[in-house]
Amino acid sequence: MHNLHEYLEEAKKDKIAIGHFNISNLEALWAIFEAARDLKQPVIIGVSEGERNFVGIRQAASLVQSIRNEFDYPIFMNADHTHDVEGVIKCINAGYDSVMIDGSKLEFDANVKITKECVEYAERVAQEEDRTVLVEAELGYIGSSSAILDEVPDGAGDDKTTPEIAQKFVEETGIDIFAPSVGNIHGVVKSGNPHIDAKLVEDIANVVDCYLVLHGGSGITDEDLRAGIEAGINIVHVNTEIRKAFRDGLEESLAKNDSVAPYKYMDVPRQKVYDVVYNKIKLFANLDK
């Protein structure tokens, strides 16, 4: 089995993207894995700070690693949106394949400083333990809420990442994965999400020596997602659509089932998550071409 870096290299060459899907529970994890396995595609499981606090840092990693080992399948673990170096270190030590240090709200130099600390620690651990640990960082404003939004947040789209600043940031930090602001925002906007600036994605991809990740993949049109991937996006994050699918499925199941045994009413939300993930992976991997 390849490591995450090798799968990303293949995705970059083939102009496709690997799906990154966040979890808060076991039902979603199984749904995501089963969708990926049915399509024979690698997949990344993400847990943000809130999700890690709920599931457990090491417990989440152990769940993913147990599936990887049992099924010999390329399912990887990412510590999503981590806001301090200590949190990144904890996740690296717990065995995560990749970690995101989110200093996007900091001034440029401060963002560079904490990101470099994370890169240096990841490189040291990777060498000592002979494993791959990728580090991701973000620059520009893409919002912060994986929720259903009435309107586009103030500031979204006003602080897009320029190729010049992207190149400078990547060179100074040495990161493996870069999350730019290219019209994307977290969450789903009821009136429609902003468009992805595919030309900006392409311009950034041409000047940075790393992989590009699109955060806020929920609510973006299929056409925009494919255009962004063709332009250079290698990973796409989806969370809000999964959360909504799970909740909708749970409400539907509880309305029809009065059992108090969770496994008897969790099949519907699990299937709803599977359907979302299956369709997203097909799109990201361009399997309908």
Protein backbone atom coordinates (compact mmCIF):
# COMPACT_ATOMS: atom_id res chain seq x y z
CA MET A 1 0.00 0.00 0.00
CA HIS A 2 1.23 3.49 -0.85
CA ASN A 3 1.47 6.23 1.77
CA LEU A 4 -0.60 9.42 1.56
CA HIS A 5 2.18 11.37 -0.15
CA GLU A 6 2.38 8.78 -2.93
CA TYR A 7 -1.38 8.75 -3.48
CA LEU A 8 -1.38 12.54 -3.66
CA GLU A 9 1.41 12.43 -6.22
CA GLU A 10 -0.72 10.11 -8.36
CA ALA A 11 -3.75 12.38 -7.95
CA LYS A 12 -1.72 15.40 -8.99
CA LYS A 13 -0.46 13.61 -12.10
CA ASP A 14 -3.95 12.38 -13.06
CA LYS A 15 -5.69 15.71 -12.32
CA ILE A 16 -8.04 14.16 -9.79
CA ALA A 17 -8.54 14.79 -6.08
CA ILE A 18 -8.70 12.65 -2.96
CA GLY A 19 -11.79 13.15 -0.82
CA HIS A 20 -11.37 14.33 2.77
CA PHE A 21 -14.43 13.70 4.94
CA ASN A 22 -14.85 14.64 8.59
CA ILE A 23 -16.37 12.36 11.21
CA SER A 24 -17.82 12.66 14.69
CA ASN A 25 -18.98 9.08 15.10
CA LEU A 26 -18.46 5.47 14.06
CA GLU A 27 -21.47 5.36 11.72
CA ALA A 28 -20.03 8.10 9.50
CA LEU A 29 -16.60 6.46 9.50
CA TRP A 30 -18.01 3.15 8.25
CA ALA A 31 -20.12 4.92 5.62
CA ILE A 32 -17.13 6.86 4.28
CA PHE A 33 -14.89 3.79 4.21
CA GLU A 34 -17.52 1.66 2.48
CA ALA A 35 -18.14 4.31 -0.20
CA ALA A 36 -14.40 4.66 -0.87
CA ARG A 37 -13.88 0.91 -0.96
CA ASP A 38 -16.80 0.38 -3.35
CA LEU A 39 -15.19 2.92 -5.71
CA LYS A 40 -11.65 1.61 -5.08
CA GLN A 41 -10.35 5.07 -4.17
CA PRO A 42 -8.10 6.23 -1.31
CA VAL A 43 -9.78 8.42 1.27
CA ILE A 44 -8.84 10.79 4.08
CA ILE A 45 -10.75 10.93 7.36
CA GLY A 46 -10.62 14.31 9.08
CA VAL A 47 -11.26 15.31 12.68
CA SER A 48 -11.14 18.96 13.68
CA GLU A 49 -10.39 20.06 17.24
CA GLY A 50 -14.06 19.86 18.26
CA GLU A 51 -14.47 16.46 16.66
CA ARG A 52 -11.26 15.19 18.27
CA ASN A 53 -12.41 16.38 21.67
CA PHE A 54 -15.64 14.42 21.17
CA VAL A 55 -14.19 11.20 19.73
CA GLY A 56 -10.75 11.31 21.35
CA ILE A 57 -7.44 12.11 19.66
CA ARG A 58 -5.96 8.62 19.94
CA GLN A 59 -9.30 6.86 19.72
CA ALA A 60 -10.09 8.42 16.33
CA ALA A 61 -6.65 7.49 15.02
CA SER A 62 -6.97 3.94 16.32
CA LEU A 63 -10.35 3.47 14.63
CA VAL A 64 -8.97 4.53 11.25
CA GLN A 65 -5.78 2.51 11.68
CA SER A 66 -7.79 -0.59 12.62
CA ILE A 67 -9.77 -0.37 9.37
CA ARG A 68 -6.58 0.21 7.38
CA ASN A 69 -4.94 -2.83 8.93
CA GLU A 70 -7.92 -5.18 8.79
CA PHE A 71 -8.86 -4.43 5.18
CA ASP A 72 -5.39 -3.45 3.91
CA TYR A 73 -6.98 -0.29 2.55
CA PRO A 74 -5.61 3.24 1.90
CA ILE A 75 -7.65 5.14 4.47
CA PHE A 76 -5.71 7.98 6.08
CA MET A 77 -6.10 10.23 9.12
CA ASN A 78 -5.84 14.04 9.18
CA ALA A 79 -5.91 16.36 12.19
CA ASP A 80 -8.03 19.10 10.67
CA HIS A 81 -7.94 22.77 11.78
CA THR A 82 -5.53 22.63 14.71
CA HIS A 83 -4.81 26.07 16.14
CA ASP A 84 -1.64 25.57 18.18
CA VAL A 85 1.64 23.71 17.96
CA GLU A 86 0.89 21.61 21.04
CA GLY A 87 -2.24 20.22 19.42
CA VAL A 88 -0.31 19.34 16.27
CA ILE A 89 2.36 17.54 18.31
CA LYS A 90 -0.29 15.48 20.13
CA CYS A 91 -1.79 14.35 16.83
CA ILE A 92 1.55 13.51 15.25
CA ASN A 93 2.45 11.47 18.32
CA ALA A 94 -0.92 9.68 18.07
CA GLY A 95 -0.03 8.47 14.57
CA TYR A 96 -1.93 10.83 12.27
CA ASP A 97 -0.83 10.76 8.63
CA SER A 98 -1.25 14.51 8.22
CA VAL A 99 -1.87 17.52 10.42
CA MET A 100 -3.20 20.98 9.71
CA ILE A 101 -1.89 23.95 11.63
CA ASP A 102 -4.44 26.72 11.14
CA GLY A 103 -2.81 30.08 11.67
CA SER A 104 -4.99 31.79 9.07
CA LYS A 105 -6.22 34.39 11.57
CA LEU A 106 -2.67 35.41 12.47
CA GLU A 107 -0.47 37.95 10.78
CA PHE A 108 1.68 36.49 8.00
CA ASP A 109 4.93 36.28 9.99
CA ALA A 110 3.21 34.71 13.01
CA ASN A 111 1.51 32.16 10.75
CA VAL A 112 4.88 31.30 9.20
CA LYS A 113 6.50 30.93 12.62
CA ILE A 114 4.07 28.39 14.10
CA THR A 115 3.80 26.54 10.80
CA LYS A 116 7.58 26.12 10.59
CA GLU A 117 7.62 24.72 14.12
CA CYS A 118 5.07 22.10 13.10
CA VAL A 119 6.95 21.21 9.91
CA GLU A 120 10.22 20.80 11.82
CA TYR A 121 8.60 18.53 14.41
CA ALA A 122 6.84 16.45 11.75
CA GLU A 123 10.07 16.00 9.81
CA ARG A 124 11.94 14.91 12.94
CA VAL A 125 9.29 12.35 13.90
CA ALA A 126 9.00 11.06 10.34
CA GLN A 127 12.74 10.45 10.24
CA GLU A 128 12.95 8.89 13.69
CA GLU A 129 9.95 6.59 13.17
CA ASP A 130 10.37 6.01 9.42
CA ARG A 131 6.87 7.15 8.49
CA THR A 132 5.29 9.90 6.42
CA VAL A 133 3.77 12.88 8.23
CA LEU A 134 2.43 15.66 6.02
CA VAL A 135 1.81 19.20 7.29
CA GLU A 136 -0.89 21.50 5.94
CA ALA A 137 -1.43 25.21 6.50
CA GLU A 138 -3.93 27.83 5.37
CA LEU A 139 -3.67 31.40 4.15
CA GLY A 140 -6.55 33.78 3.42
CA TYR A 141 -10.14 33.94 4.68
CA ILE A 142 -12.53 31.04 4.05
CA GLY A 143 -14.78 31.36 7.11
CA SER A 144 -14.81 29.02 10.07
CA SER A 145 -18.22 27.38 10.44
CA SER A 146 -19.23 24.00 9.00
CA ALA A 147 -22.92 24.84 9.12
CA ILE A 148 -25.91 25.87 7.02
CA LEU A 149 -25.53 29.62 6.45
CA ASP A 150 -28.18 32.14 5.48
CA GLU A 151 -25.68 34.25 3.56
CA VAL A 152 -22.02 34.47 2.64
CA PRO A 153 -20.01 35.58 5.72
CA ASP A 154 -18.57 39.07 5.77
CA GLY A 155 -15.09 39.06 4.32
CA ALA A 156 -15.46 35.87 2.32
CA GLY A 157 -14.04 36.40 -1.14
CA ASP A 158 -12.36 39.66 -0.14
CA ASP A 159 -9.11 38.07 1.01
CA LYS A 160 -8.18 35.64 -1.74
CA THR A 161 -4.69 34.21 -1.71
CA THR A 162 -2.45 35.69 -4.39
CA PRO A 163 0.13 33.49 -6.16
CA GLU A 164 2.92 35.74 -4.88
CA ILE A 165 1.99 35.43 -1.21
CA ALA A 166 1.25 31.71 -1.63
CA GLN A 167 4.71 31.10 -3.07
CA LYS A 168 6.38 33.09 -0.30
CA PHE A 169 4.42 31.27 2.42
CA VAL A 170 5.13 27.78 1.06
CA GLU A 171 8.83 28.50 0.54
CA GLU A 172 9.26 29.95 4.04
CA THR A 173 7.37 27.18 5.84
CA GLY A 174 8.23 24.07 3.85
CA ILE A 175 4.66 22.71 4.13
CA ASP A 176 3.45 19.70 2.15
CA ILE A 177 -0.16 20.81 1.64
CA PHE A 178 -1.45 24.35 1.14
CA ALA A 179 -5.04 25.56 1.66
CA PRO A 180 -5.62 28.81 -0.25
CA SER A 181 -8.62 31.12 -0.35
CA VAL A 182 -9.90 30.93 -3.92
CA GLY A 183 -13.60 31.74 -3.48
CA ASN A 184 -14.31 28.80 -1.17
CA ILE A 185 -15.89 29.11 2.27
CA HIS A 186 -16.76 26.66 5.01
CA GLY A 187 -20.39 25.64 5.30
CA VAL A 188 -23.30 25.64 2.87
CA VAL A 189 -24.92 28.93 1.89
CA LYS A 190 -28.68 28.65 1.31
CA SER A 191 -28.60 31.11 -1.58
CA GLY A 192 -25.60 29.41 -3.19
CA ASN A 193 -21.90 29.22 -2.41
CA PRO A 194 -19.42 31.54 -4.12
CA HIS A 195 -17.73 30.32 -7.28
CA ILE A 196 -14.26 28.81 -7.25
CA ASP A 197 -11.69 30.94 -9.08
CA ALA A 198 -10.13 28.15 -11.15
CA LYS A 199 -7.70 30.55 -12.84
CA LEU A 200 -6.38 31.59 -9.43
CA VAL A 201 -6.03 27.93 -8.42
CA GLU A 202 -3.99 27.29 -11.58
CA ASP A 203 -1.79 30.34 -10.99
CA ILE A 204 -1.07 29.24 -7.41
CA ALA A 205 -0.42 25.63 -8.47
CA ASN A 206 2.15 26.86 -10.97
CA VAL A 207 4.28 28.61 -8.35
CA VAL A 208 4.10 26.38 -5.26
CA ASP A 209 5.95 23.11 -4.75
CA CYS A 210 3.31 21.30 -2.70
CA TYR A 211 -0.20 19.87 -2.89
CA LEU A 212 -3.29 22.08 -2.89
CA VAL A 213 -6.36 21.41 -0.76
CA LEU A 214 -9.79 22.96 -1.13
CA HIS A 215 -11.57 23.57 2.17
CA GLY A 216 -15.30 24.20 2.23
CA GLY A 217 -16.16 21.69 -0.48
CA SER A 218 -19.79 21.45 0.70
CA GLY A 219 -22.30 23.42 -1.34
CA ILE A 220 -19.97 24.01 -4.30
CA THR A 221 -21.35 23.03 -7.70
CA ASP A 222 -19.98 19.94 -9.44
CA GLU A 223 -18.82 22.12 -12.30
CA ASP A 224 -16.83 24.40 -9.99
CA LEU A 225 -15.30 21.45 -8.16
CA ARG A 226 -14.19 19.75 -11.37
CA ALA A 227 -12.78 23.03 -12.69
CA GLY A 228 -10.84 23.54 -9.45
CA ILE A 229 -9.48 20.00 -9.55
CA GLU A 230 -8.46 20.32 -13.20
CA ALA A 231 -6.69 23.56 -12.26
CA GLY A 232 -4.62 21.93 -9.52
CA ILE A 233 -6.64 20.98 -6.41
CA ASN A 234 -5.46 17.60 -5.04
CA ILE A 235 -7.68 17.21 -1.93
CA VAL A 236 -11.25 18.37 -1.33
CA HIS A 237 -12.74 18.73 2.16
CA VAL A 238 -16.41 17.92 2.75
CA ASN A 239 -18.06 18.15 6.16
CA THR A 240 -21.29 20.16 6.28
CA GLU A 241 -23.04 18.02 3.65
CA ILE A 242 -22.18 14.91 5.67
CA ARG A 243 -23.47 16.44 8.90
CA LYS A 244 -26.73 17.45 7.22
CA ALA A 245 -27.15 14.03 5.59
CA PHE A 246 -26.62 12.30 8.93
CA ARG A 247 -29.07 14.53 10.77
CA ASP A 248 -31.72 14.25 8.04
CA GLY A 249 -31.33 10.48 8.06
CA LEU A 250 -31.52 10.28 11.83
CA GLU A 251 -34.70 12.38 11.97
CA GLU A 252 -36.26 10.22 9.25
CA SER A 253 -35.28 7.01 11.02
CA LEU A 254 -36.48 8.09 14.47
CA ALA A 255 -39.83 9.15 13.02
CA LYS A 256 -40.36 5.57 11.81
CA ASN A 257 -38.61 3.56 14.52
CA ASP A 258 -39.41 3.58 18.23
CA SER A 259 -36.58 1.20 19.17
CA VAL A 260 -34.15 2.31 21.87
CA ALA A 261 -31.33 0.21 20.33
CA PRO A 262 -29.12 2.65 18.35
CA TYR A 263 -28.02 0.09 15.77
CA LYS A 264 -31.67 -0.33 14.77
CA TYR A 265 -32.14 3.31 13.78
CA MET A 266 -28.61 4.23 12.65
CA ASP A 267 -28.82 2.42 9.31
CA VAL A 268 -30.67 5.27 7.57
CA PRO A 269 -28.26 8.07 8.57
CA ARG A 270 -25.34 5.78 7.72
CA GLN A 271 -26.79 5.20 4.25
CA LYS A 272 -27.40 8.93 3.76
CA VAL A 273 -23.73 9.68 4.53
CA TYR A 274 -22.65 6.85 2.22
CA ASP A 275 -24.65 8.35 -0.65
CA VAL A 276 -23.10 11.81 -0.24
CA VAL A 277 -19.57 10.44 0.00
CA TYR A 278 -20.01 8.00 -2.89
CA ASN A 279 -21.13 10.77 -5.24
CA LYS A 280 -18.38 13.14 -4.10
CA ILE A 281 -15.63 10.57 -4.58
CA LYS A 282 -16.93 9.74 -8.06
CA LEU A 283 -16.79 13.43 -8.91
CA PHE A 284 -13.36 14.05 -7.39
CA ALA A 285 -11.83 10.99 -9.12
CA ASN A 286 -13.62 11.80 -12.38
CA LEU A 287 -15.00 8.27 -12.60
CA ASP A 288 -17.82 9.21 -14.99
CA LYS A 289 -15.48 10.41 -17.73
